[in-house]
């Protein structure tokens, strides 16, 4: 059970890193993303810095605000790290 929890945490961290990269690629500030997601800038900052363990619903919402899905972001991350 602990191993699955660790894997899930790692996957969420990877998704968050990818979402941050997408936000930067789109030249969107944390403030604008927070507005779109209906949250505070501090929540986006905490999310991106790893100080916030987001729910899947929150990740889905943030991804949607960037025109992505969590699945697309996860798949892109996995493909980038294939050897």
C-alpha atoms as a PDB file:
ATOM      1  CA  UNK A   1       0.000   0.000   0.000  1.00  0.00           C
ATOM      2  CA  UNK A   2       2.817   2.409   0.910  1.00  0.00           C
ATOM      3  CA  UNK A   3       4.529   1.736  -2.435  1.00  0.00           C
ATOM      4  CA  UNK A   4       1.356   2.659  -4.341  1.00  0.00           C
ATOM      5  CA  UNK A   5       0.999   5.837  -2.301  1.00  0.00           C
ATOM      6  CA  UNK A   6       4.575   6.802  -3.136  1.00  0.00           C
ATOM      7  CA  UNK A   7       4.015   6.093  -6.844  1.00  0.00           C
ATOM      8  CA  UNK A   8       0.838   8.191  -6.815  1.00  0.00           C
ATOM      9  CA  UNK A   9       2.695  11.062  -5.123  1.00  0.00           C
ATOM     10  CA  UNK A  10       5.459  10.830  -7.720  1.00  0.00           C
ATOM     11  CA  UNK A  11       2.949  10.846 -10.574  1.00  0.00           C
ATOM     12  CA  UNK A  12       1.206  13.914  -9.170  1.00  0.00           C
ATOM     13  CA  UNK A  13       4.552  15.671  -8.810  1.00  0.00           C
ATOM     14  CA  UNK A  14       5.359  14.860 -12.435  1.00  0.00           C
ATOM     15  CA  UNK A  15       1.983  16.185 -13.589  1.00  0.00           C
ATOM     16  CA  UNK A  16       2.475  19.387 -11.576  1.00  0.00           C
ATOM     17  CA  UNK A  17       5.916  19.909 -13.154  1.00  0.00           C
ATOM     18  CA  UNK A  18       4.416  19.435 -16.609  1.00  0.00           C
ATOM     19  CA  UNK A  19       1.554  21.831 -15.858  1.00  0.00           C
ATOM     20  CA  UNK A  20       4.059  24.451 -14.716  1.00  0.00           C
ATOM     21  CA  UNK A  21       6.016  23.979 -17.946  1.00  0.00           C
ATOM     22  CA  UNK A  22       2.830  24.364 -20.014  1.00  0.00           C
ATOM     23  CA  UNK A  23       1.889  27.515 -18.089  1.00  0.00           C
ATOM     24  CA  UNK A  24       5.296  29.019 -18.818  1.00  0.00           C
ATOM     25  CA  UNK A  25       5.211  27.952 -22.491  1.00  0.00           C
ATOM     26  CA  UNK A  26       1.881  29.746 -22.828  1.00  0.00           C
ATOM     27  CA  UNK A  27       3.297  32.837 -21.067  1.00  0.00           C
ATOM     28  CA  UNK A  28       0.565  32.706 -18.429  1.00  0.00           C
ATOM     29  CA  UNK A  29       1.307  34.094 -14.992  1.00  0.00           C
ATOM     30  CA  UNK A  30       0.375  32.325 -11.786  1.00  0.00           C
ATOM     31  CA  UNK A  31      -2.092  35.146 -11.138  1.00  0.00           C
ATOM     32  CA  UNK A  32      -3.901  34.635 -14.441  1.00  0.00           C
ATOM     33  CA  UNK A  33      -3.985  30.864 -13.970  1.00  0.00           C
ATOM     34  CA  UNK A  34      -5.354  31.307 -10.446  1.00  0.00           C
ATOM     35  CA  UNK A  35      -8.093  33.594 -11.778  1.00  0.00           C
ATOM     36  CA  UNK A  36      -9.040  31.055 -14.438  1.00  0.00           C
ATOM     37  CA  UNK A  37      -9.057  28.219 -11.897  1.00  0.00           C
ATOM     38  CA  UNK A  38     -11.055  30.194  -9.336  1.00  0.00           C
ATOM     39  CA  UNK A  39      -8.359  30.019  -6.687  1.00  0.00           C
ATOM     40  CA  UNK A  40      -5.685  32.208  -5.119  1.00  0.00           C
ATOM     41  CA  UNK A  41      -2.273  32.866  -6.639  1.00  0.00           C
ATOM     42  CA  UNK A  42      -0.740  31.502  -3.439  1.00  0.00           C
ATOM     43  CA  UNK A  43      -2.389  28.116  -4.128  1.00  0.00           C
ATOM     44  CA  UNK A  44      -0.831  27.974  -7.596  1.00  0.00           C
ATOM     45  CA  UNK A  45       2.530  28.995  -6.149  1.00  0.00           C
ATOM     46  CA  UNK A  46       2.313  26.341  -3.426  1.00  0.00           C
ATOM     47  CA  UNK A  47       1.241  23.767  -6.023  1.00  0.00           C
ATOM     48  CA  UNK A  48       4.178  24.486  -8.315  1.00  0.00           C
ATOM     49  CA  UNK A  49       6.710  24.577  -5.489  1.00  0.00           C
ATOM     50  CA  UNK A  50       5.579  21.216  -4.104  1.00  0.00           C
ATOM     51  CA  UNK A  51       4.206  22.625  -0.855  1.00  0.00           C
ATOM     52  CA  UNK A  52       0.643  21.607  -1.695  1.00  0.00           C
ATOM     53  CA  UNK A  53      -0.613  18.093  -2.343  1.00  0.00           C
ATOM     54  CA  UNK A  54      -3.476  18.749  -4.740  1.00  0.00           C
ATOM     55  CA  UNK A  55      -6.574  16.679  -5.212  1.00  0.00           C
ATOM     56  CA  UNK A  56      -7.096  15.076  -8.592  1.00  0.00           C
ATOM     57  CA  UNK A  57     -10.071  17.408  -9.116  1.00  0.00           C
ATOM     58  CA  UNK A  58      -7.829  20.442  -8.615  1.00  0.00           C
ATOM     59  CA  UNK A  59      -5.241  19.097 -11.081  1.00  0.00           C
ATOM     60  CA  UNK A  60      -7.978  18.442 -13.632  1.00  0.00           C
ATOM     61  CA  UNK A  61      -9.264  21.990 -13.193  1.00  0.00           C
ATOM     62  CA  UNK A  62      -5.818  23.579 -13.561  1.00  0.00           C
ATOM     63  CA  UNK A  63      -5.020  21.426 -16.595  1.00  0.00           C
ATOM     64  CA  UNK A  64      -8.315  22.431 -18.185  1.00  0.00           C
ATOM     65  CA  UNK A  65      -7.515  26.098 -17.637  1.00  0.00           C
ATOM     66  CA  UNK A  66      -4.366  25.510 -19.685  1.00  0.00           C
ATOM     67  CA  UNK A  67      -6.268  23.714 -22.440  1.00  0.00           C
ATOM     68  CA  UNK A  68      -4.886  20.332 -21.421  1.00  0.00           C
ATOM     69  CA  UNK A  69      -6.062  17.210 -19.652  1.00  0.00           C
ATOM     70  CA  UNK A  70      -4.210  15.445 -16.862  1.00  0.00           C
ATOM     71  CA  UNK A  71      -4.028  12.381 -19.106  1.00  0.00           C
ATOM     72  CA  UNK A  72      -2.388  14.346 -21.927  1.00  0.00           C
ATOM     73  CA  UNK A  73       0.128  15.908 -19.553  1.00  0.00           C
ATOM     74  CA  UNK A  74       0.927  12.522 -17.978  1.00  0.00           C
ATOM     75  CA  UNK A  75       1.329  10.864 -21.375  1.00  0.00           C
ATOM     76  CA  UNK A  76       3.584  13.677 -22.612  1.00  0.00           C
ATOM     77  CA  UNK A  77       5.757  13.286 -19.511  1.00  0.00           C
ATOM     78  CA  UNK A  78       6.020   9.523 -19.955  1.00  0.00           C
ATOM     79  CA  UNK A  79       6.919   9.840 -23.648  1.00  0.00           C
ATOM     80  CA  UNK A  80       9.601  12.440 -22.878  1.00  0.00           C
ATOM     81  CA  UNK A  81      11.291  10.023 -20.457  1.00  0.00           C
ATOM     82  CA  UNK A  82      11.211   6.876 -22.599  1.00  0.00           C
ATOM     83  CA  UNK A  83      14.619   5.468 -23.385  1.00  0.00           C
END
